[in-house]
Amino acid sequence: MSRIKLTLSIATSAIVFTAVSIAGPTFIQAQTANAAAAAGTSPATTTQAETSNAQVAAKTPAELLQLLGERIKAKDVDGIIALQEPEAAIVNYDGSVVRGHKEIRAFYVEWFKSDPVLTVNPRQTVLAGGKGTGDKARNRIASIMGDYTLAQTGPDGTRESFTGNFCDTVQEQSNGTWLYVQDNPYPPHGNATSAHH
């Protein structure tokens, strides 16, 4: 069961490297280094508190993916929670659901003990809905779909690797920023062996 929970939030984590299909993980590392250089620090000396307190908000689904990836890489649990709606959910491998900030926090604290390294390949983002406010639509919803690979340390101390598909749901807030509604690293698509760890 702990093994299942550790592999759970792959999509959430996944949404990790958004520049995704364009530039991949290298883009995110470069962005982190550039931000640290502008602040006069090195990426290694940037603390979780500094990351969380920067209060950077995602203006697009792609930016939300990028922020999540940076915060997962930094193991910044507070920063990850800040990217979730209060009743956001993560679908677990066994079909159960991790729901709300308190449970999501506990999930990440436990999952980070496995030293996860996640590579995500978002393949498609579809925006829909929303309500017009002046010349802009707000409260739109987007589905972000793709595939991932994950390496982590298993309960016996050996490194394990997995692959799978994900389908996440994110929502635009009334102020134009985006937050996670649902992280689903186990959608019912792909081949029969995908994401079965």
C-alpha atoms as a PDB file:
ATOM      1  CA  MET A   1       0.000   0.000   0.000  1.00  0.00           C
ATOM      2  CA  SER A   2       2.791   2.457   0.828  1.00  0.00           C
ATOM      3  CA  ARG A   3       4.359   1.651  -2.515  1.00  0.00           C
ATOM      4  CA  ILE A   4       1.104   2.528  -4.224  1.00  0.00           C
ATOM      5  CA  LYS A   5       0.770   5.799  -2.349  1.00  0.00           C
ATOM      6  CA  LEU A   6       4.339   6.757  -3.179  1.00  0.00           C
ATOM      7  CA  THR A   7       3.681   6.441  -6.893  1.00  0.00           C
ATOM      8  CA  LEU A   8       0.345   8.182  -6.697  1.00  0.00           C
ATOM      9  CA  SER A   9       0.737  11.789  -7.569  1.00  0.00           C
ATOM     10  CA  ILE A  10       2.642  11.337 -10.680  1.00  0.00           C
ATOM     11  CA  ALA A  11       0.534  13.670 -12.651  1.00  0.00           C
ATOM     12  CA  THR A  12       0.599  16.283 -10.070  1.00  0.00           C
ATOM     13  CA  SER A  13       4.238  15.898  -9.990  1.00  0.00           C
ATOM     14  CA  ALA A  14       4.058  15.454 -13.565  1.00  0.00           C
ATOM     15  CA  ILE A  15       2.781  18.707 -14.317  1.00  0.00           C
ATOM     16  CA  VAL A  16       6.115  19.368 -13.344  1.00  0.00           C
ATOM     17  CA  PHE A  17       8.011  20.307 -16.436  1.00  0.00           C
ATOM     18  CA  THR A  18       5.581  22.285 -18.469  1.00  0.00           C
ATOM     19  CA  ALA A  19       7.646  24.033 -20.930  1.00  0.00           C
ATOM     20  CA  VAL A  20       7.022  20.541 -21.576  1.00  0.00           C
ATOM     21  CA  SER A  21       6.680  19.568 -25.049  1.00  0.00           C
ATOM     22  CA  ILE A  22       8.679  22.559 -26.094  1.00  0.00           C
ATOM     23  CA  ALA A  23      11.794  22.497 -23.981  1.00  0.00           C
ATOM     24  CA  GLY A  24      11.359  19.937 -21.242  1.00  0.00           C
ATOM     25  CA  PRO A  25      13.200  19.761 -17.919  1.00  0.00           C
ATOM     26  CA  THR A  26      16.155  21.785 -19.155  1.00  0.00           C
ATOM     27  CA  PHE A  27      13.910  24.816 -19.570  1.00  0.00           C
ATOM     28  CA  ILE A  28      12.709  24.575 -15.987  1.00  0.00           C
ATOM     29  CA  GLN A  29      16.234  24.222 -14.636  1.00  0.00           C
ATOM     30  CA  ALA A  30      17.278  27.254 -16.658  1.00  0.00           C
ATOM     31  CA  GLN A  31      14.286  29.246 -15.397  1.00  0.00           C
ATOM     32  CA  THR A  32      15.109  28.348 -11.789  1.00  0.00           C
ATOM     33  CA  ALA A  33      18.742  29.322 -12.274  1.00  0.00           C
ATOM     34  CA  ASN A  34      17.775  32.610 -13.951  1.00  0.00           C
ATOM     35  CA  ALA A  35      15.355  33.499 -11.155  1.00  0.00           C
ATOM     36  CA  ALA A  36      17.978  32.714  -8.534  1.00  0.00           C
ATOM     37  CA  ALA A  37      20.601  34.763 -10.390  1.00  0.00           C
ATOM     38  CA  ALA A  38      18.243  37.730 -10.592  1.00  0.00           C
ATOM     39  CA  ALA A  39      17.692  37.452  -6.852  1.00  0.00           C
ATOM     40  CA  GLY A  40      21.431  37.237  -6.207  1.00  0.00           C
ATOM     41  CA  THR A  41      21.334  33.637  -4.942  1.00  0.00           C
ATOM     42  CA  SER A  42      22.260  30.265  -6.341  1.00  0.00           C
ATOM     43  CA  PRO A  43      19.565  27.617  -6.915  1.00  0.00           C
ATOM     44  CA  ALA A  44      21.180  25.511  -4.184  1.00  0.00           C
ATOM     45  CA  THR A  45      20.733  28.263  -1.593  1.00  0.00           C
ATOM     46  CA  THR A  46      17.125  29.091  -2.456  1.00  0.00           C
ATOM     47  CA  THR A  47      15.014  27.809   0.452  1.00  0.00           C
ATOM     48  CA  GLN A  48      11.525  26.332   0.474  1.00  0.00           C
ATOM     49  CA  ALA A  49      10.294  29.399   2.316  1.00  0.00           C
ATOM     50  CA  GLU A  50      11.706  31.673  -0.376  1.00  0.00           C
ATOM     51  CA  THR A  51      10.012  29.596  -3.067  1.00  0.00           C
ATOM     52  CA  SER A  52       6.649  29.582  -1.272  1.00  0.00           C
ATOM     53  CA  ASN A  53       6.812  33.217  -0.227  1.00  0.00           C
ATOM     54  CA  ALA A  54       7.535  34.408  -3.742  1.00  0.00           C
ATOM     55  CA  GLN A  55       3.767  34.091  -4.270  1.00  0.00           C
ATOM     56  CA  VAL A  56       4.207  33.477  -7.951  1.00  0.00           C
ATOM     57  CA  ALA A  57       0.832  32.755  -9.516  1.00  0.00           C
ATOM     58  CA  ALA A  58       0.236  30.843 -12.738  1.00  0.00           C
ATOM     59  CA  LYS A  59      -1.427  32.874 -15.487  1.00  0.00           C
ATOM     60  CA  THR A  60      -1.821  29.862 -17.821  1.00  0.00           C
ATOM     61  CA  PRO A  61      -2.140  26.082 -17.447  1.00  0.00           C
ATOM     62  CA  ALA A  62       1.418  25.786 -18.826  1.00  0.00           C
ATOM     63  CA  GLU A  63       2.760  28.118 -16.123  1.00  0.00           C
ATOM     64  CA  LEU A  64       0.912  26.076 -13.495  1.00  0.00           C
ATOM     65  CA  LEU A  65       2.667  22.931 -14.734  1.00  0.00           C
ATOM     66  CA  GLN A  66       6.008  24.685 -14.608  1.00  0.00           C
ATOM     67  CA  LEU A  67       5.475  25.961 -11.057  1.00  0.00           C
ATOM     68  CA  LEU A  68       4.396  22.545  -9.843  1.00  0.00           C
ATOM     69  CA  GLY A  69       7.470  20.966 -11.414  1.00  0.00           C
ATOM     70  CA  GLU A  70       9.808  23.467  -9.790  1.00  0.00           C
ATOM     71  CA  ARG A  71       8.199  22.966  -6.384  1.00  0.00           C
ATOM     72  CA  ILE A  72       8.238  19.174  -6.639  1.00  0.00           C
ATOM     73  CA  LYS A  73      11.918  19.267  -7.582  1.00  0.00           C
ATOM     74  CA  ALA A  74      12.569  21.515  -4.560  1.00  0.00           C
ATOM     75  CA  LYS A  75      10.358  19.287  -2.340  1.00  0.00           C
ATOM     76  CA  ASP A  76       8.500  22.491  -1.411  1.00  0.00           C
ATOM     77  CA  VAL A  77       5.293  21.097   0.098  1.00  0.00           C
ATOM     78  CA  ASP A  78       3.906  24.524   1.076  1.00  0.00           C
ATOM     79  CA  GLY A  79       4.520  25.763  -2.458  1.00  0.00           C
ATOM     80  CA  ILE A  80       2.742  22.725  -3.926  1.00  0.00           C
ATOM     81  CA  ILE A  81      -0.276  23.220  -1.656  1.00  0.00           C
ATOM     82  CA  ALA A  82      -0.464  26.867  -2.784  1.00  0.00           C
ATOM     83  CA  LEU A  83      -1.103  25.594  -6.331  1.00  0.00           C
ATOM     84  CA  GLN A  84      -4.147  23.525  -5.315  1.00  0.00           C
ATOM     85  CA  GLU A  85      -7.777  24.523  -4.841  1.00  0.00           C
ATOM     86  CA  PRO A  86      -8.891  23.863  -1.218  1.00  0.00           C
ATOM     87  CA  GLU A  87     -10.853  20.749  -2.231  1.00  0.00           C
ATOM     88  CA  ALA A  88      -8.440  19.550  -4.927  1.00  0.00           C
ATOM     89  CA  ALA A  89      -8.018  15.810  -5.351  1.00  0.00           C
ATOM     90  CA  ILE A  90      -5.383  13.280  -6.351  1.00  0.00           C
ATOM     91  CA  VAL A  91      -6.540   9.934  -7.741  1.00  0.00           C
ATOM     92  CA  ASN A  92      -4.626   7.067  -6.140  1.00  0.00           C
ATOM     93  CA  TYR A  93      -3.508   3.885  -7.887  1.00  0.00           C
ATOM     94  CA  ASP A  94      -6.130   1.801  -6.058  1.00  0.00           C
ATOM     95  CA  GLY A  95      -8.916   4.183  -7.124  1.00  0.00           C
ATOM     96  CA  SER A  96      -9.126   5.960  -3.780  1.00  0.00           C
ATOM     97  CA  VAL A  97      -8.933   9.753  -3.697  1.00  0.00           C
ATOM     98  CA  VAL A  98      -6.624  12.005  -1.673  1.00  0.00           C
ATOM     99  CA  ARG A  99      -8.746  15.116  -1.118  1.00  0.00           C
ATOM    100  CA  GLY A 100      -8.091  18.582   0.306  1.00  0.00           C
ATOM    101  CA  HIS A 101      -4.979  20.422   1.427  1.00  0.00           C
ATOM    102  CA  LYS A 102      -4.398  18.397   4.596  1.00  0.00           C
ATOM    103  CA  GLU A 103      -4.446  15.019   2.821  1.00  0.00           C
ATOM    104  CA  ILE A 104      -2.459  16.304  -0.162  1.00  0.00           C
ATOM    105  CA  ARG A 105       0.189  17.669   2.205  1.00  0.00           C
ATOM    106  CA  ALA A 106       0.468  14.298   3.975  1.00  0.00           C
ATOM    107  CA  PHE A 107       0.701  12.553   0.616  1.00  0.00           C
ATOM    108  CA  TYR A 108       3.623  14.694  -0.575  1.00  0.00           C
ATOM    109  CA  VAL A 109       5.503  14.487   2.720  1.00  0.00           C
ATOM    110  CA  GLU A 110       5.365  10.688   2.485  1.00  0.00           C
ATOM    111  CA  TRP A 111       6.049  10.520  -1.261  1.00  0.00           C
ATOM    112  CA  PHE A 112       9.154  12.705  -1.050  1.00  0.00           C
ATOM    113  CA  LYS A 113      10.744  10.099   1.238  1.00  0.00           C
ATOM    114  CA  SER A 114      11.142   7.942  -1.896  1.00  0.00           C
ATOM    115  CA  ASP A 115      13.344  10.587  -3.588  1.00  0.00           C
ATOM    116  CA  PRO A 116      11.178  10.720  -6.742  1.00  0.00           C
ATOM    117  CA  VAL A 117      12.527  11.882 -10.088  1.00  0.00           C
ATOM    118  CA  LEU A 118       9.700  12.584 -12.483  1.00  0.00           C
ATOM    119  CA  THR A 119       9.805  13.370 -16.190  1.00  0.00           C
ATOM    120  CA  VAL A 120       6.546  14.475 -17.731  1.00  0.00           C
ATOM    121  CA  ASN A 121       5.562  14.849 -21.358  1.00  0.00           C
ATOM    122  CA  PRO A 122       2.334  16.839 -21.607  1.00  0.00           C
ATOM    123  CA  ARG A 123       0.824  16.049 -24.994  1.00  0.00           C
ATOM    124  CA  GLN A 124      -2.410  18.041 -25.114  1.00  0.00           C
ATOM    125  CA  THR A 125      -4.130  20.833 -23.186  1.00  0.00           C
ATOM    126  CA  VAL A 126      -7.801  21.536 -23.856  1.00  0.00           C
ATOM    127  CA  LEU A 127      -9.475  24.693 -22.470  1.00  0.00           C
ATOM    128  CA  ALA A 128     -13.246  24.943 -22.154  1.00  0.00           C
ATOM    129  CA  GLY A 129     -16.055  26.785 -20.410  1.00  0.00           C
ATOM    130  CA  GLY A 130     -15.733  30.025 -18.553  1.00  0.00           C
ATOM    131  CA  LYS A 131     -17.811  33.149 -18.203  1.00  0.00           C
ATOM    132  CA  GLY A 132     -17.296  36.444 -19.938  1.00  0.00           C
ATOM    133  CA  THR A 133     -16.188  39.395 -17.838  1.00  0.00           C
ATOM    134  CA  GLY A 134     -15.640  42.378 -20.046  1.00  0.00           C
ATOM    135  CA  ASP A 135     -13.327  41.365 -22.875  1.00  0.00           C
ATOM    136  CA  LYS A 136     -12.024  38.233 -21.095  1.00  0.00           C
ATOM    137  CA  ALA A 137     -13.384  34.825 -20.144  1.00  0.00           C
ATOM    138  CA  ARG A 138     -12.770  33.701 -16.558  1.00  0.00           C
ATOM    139  CA  ASN A 139     -13.271  30.488 -14.587  1.00  0.00           C
ATOM    140  CA  ARG A 140     -12.284  28.339 -17.549  1.00  0.00           C
ATOM    141  CA  ILE A 141     -11.301  24.710 -17.021  1.00  0.00           C
ATOM    142  CA  ALA A 142      -8.455  22.899 -18.754  1.00  0.00           C
ATOM    143  CA  SER A 143      -7.531  19.232 -19.087  1.00  0.00           C
ATOM    144  CA  ILE A 144      -3.825  18.532 -19.387  1.00  0.00           C
ATOM    145  CA  MET A 145      -2.985  15.093 -20.767  1.00  0.00           C
ATOM    146  CA  GLY A 146       0.279  13.307 -21.405  1.00  0.00           C
ATOM    147  CA  ASP A 147       2.651  10.596 -20.257  1.00  0.00           C
ATOM    148  CA  TYR A 148       5.419  10.318 -17.672  1.00  0.00           C
ATOM    149  CA  THR A 149       8.313   8.277 -16.357  1.00  0.00           C
ATOM    150  CA  LEU A 150       9.072   8.078 -12.656  1.00  0.00           C
ATOM    151  CA  ALA A 151      12.071   6.725 -10.757  1.00  0.00           C
ATOM    152  CA  GLN A 152      11.889   6.396  -6.972  1.00  0.00           C
ATOM    153  CA  THR A 153      13.235   4.327  -4.117  1.00  0.00           C
ATOM    154  CA  GLY A 154      11.007   1.404  -3.191  1.00  0.00           C
ATOM    155  CA  PRO A 155      10.290   0.109   0.331  1.00  0.00           C
ATOM    156  CA  ASP A 156      13.209  -2.355   0.040  1.00  0.00           C
ATOM    157  CA  GLY A 157      15.667   0.467  -0.798  1.00  0.00           C
ATOM    158  CA  THR A 158      16.080  -0.322  -4.511  1.00  0.00           C
ATOM    159  CA  ARG A 159      15.355   2.192  -7.251  1.00  0.00           C
ATOM    160  CA  GLU A 160      12.237   1.456  -9.290  1.00  0.00           C
ATOM    161  CA  SER A 161      11.065   2.943 -12.593  1.00  0.00           C
ATOM    162  CA  PHE A 162       7.509   3.327 -13.876  1.00  0.00           C
ATOM    163  CA  THR A 163       5.723   4.773 -16.879  1.00  0.00           C
ATOM    164  CA  GLY A 164       2.129   5.871 -17.312  1.00  0.00           C
ATOM    165  CA  ASN A 165      -0.363   8.392 -18.621  1.00  0.00           C
ATOM    166  CA  PHE A 166      -1.994  11.294 -16.824  1.00  0.00           C
ATOM    167  CA  CYS A 167      -5.031  13.535 -17.220  1.00  0.00           C
ATOM    168  CA  ASP A 168      -5.176  16.525 -14.879  1.00  0.00           C
ATOM    169  CA  THR A 169      -7.871  19.145 -14.436  1.00  0.00           C
ATOM    170  CA  VAL A 170      -7.001  22.754 -13.630  1.00  0.00           C
ATOM    171  CA  GLN A 171      -9.277  25.770 -13.225  1.00  0.00           C
ATOM    172  CA  GLU A 172      -8.886  29.464 -13.798  1.00  0.00           C
ATOM    173  CA  GLN A 173      -9.733  31.581 -10.771  1.00  0.00           C
ATOM    174  CA  SER A 174     -11.700  34.827 -10.883  1.00  0.00           C
ATOM    175  CA  ASN A 175      -8.426  36.808 -10.716  1.00  0.00           C
ATOM    176  CA  GLY A 176      -7.065  35.084 -13.845  1.00  0.00           C
ATOM    177  CA  THR A 177      -4.654  32.701 -12.084  1.00  0.00           C
ATOM    178  CA  TRP A 178      -4.855  28.893 -12.359  1.00  0.00           C
ATOM    179  CA  LEU A 179      -5.021  26.164  -9.679  1.00  0.00           C
ATOM    180  CA  TYR A 180      -5.222  22.370  -9.648  1.00  0.00           C
ATOM    181  CA  VAL A 181      -8.630  20.740  -9.223  1.00  0.00           C
ATOM    182  CA  GLN A 182      -7.637  17.122  -9.882  1.00  0.00           C
ATOM    183  CA  ASP A 183      -4.389  15.247 -10.450  1.00  0.00           C
ATOM    184  CA  ASN A 184      -5.025  11.881 -12.091  1.00  0.00           C
ATOM    185  CA  PRO A 185      -1.932   9.800 -12.910  1.00  0.00           C
ATOM    186  CA  TYR A 186      -4.097   6.732 -13.639  1.00  0.00           C
ATOM    187  CA  PRO A 187      -6.728   7.652 -16.249  1.00  0.00           C
ATOM    188  CA  PRO A 188      -8.405   4.798 -18.112  1.00  0.00           C
ATOM    189  CA  HIS A 189      -6.358   5.059 -21.291  1.00  0.00           C
ATOM    190  CA  GLY A 190      -3.091   3.678 -22.583  1.00  0.00           C
ATOM    191  CA  ASN A 191      -2.047   0.065 -22.838  1.00  0.00           C
ATOM    192  CA  ALA A 192      -2.881  -2.607 -20.290  1.00  0.00           C
ATOM    193  CA  THR A 193       0.465  -2.367 -18.501  1.00  0.00           C
ATOM    194  CA  SER A 194       0.698   1.441 -18.210  1.00  0.00           C
ATOM    195  CA  ALA A 195       1.073   2.736 -14.667  1.00  0.00           C
ATOM    196  CA  HIS A 196       0.608  -0.687 -13.090  1.00  0.00           C
ATOM    197  CA  HIS A 197       3.367  -0.798 -10.504  1.00  0.00           C
END
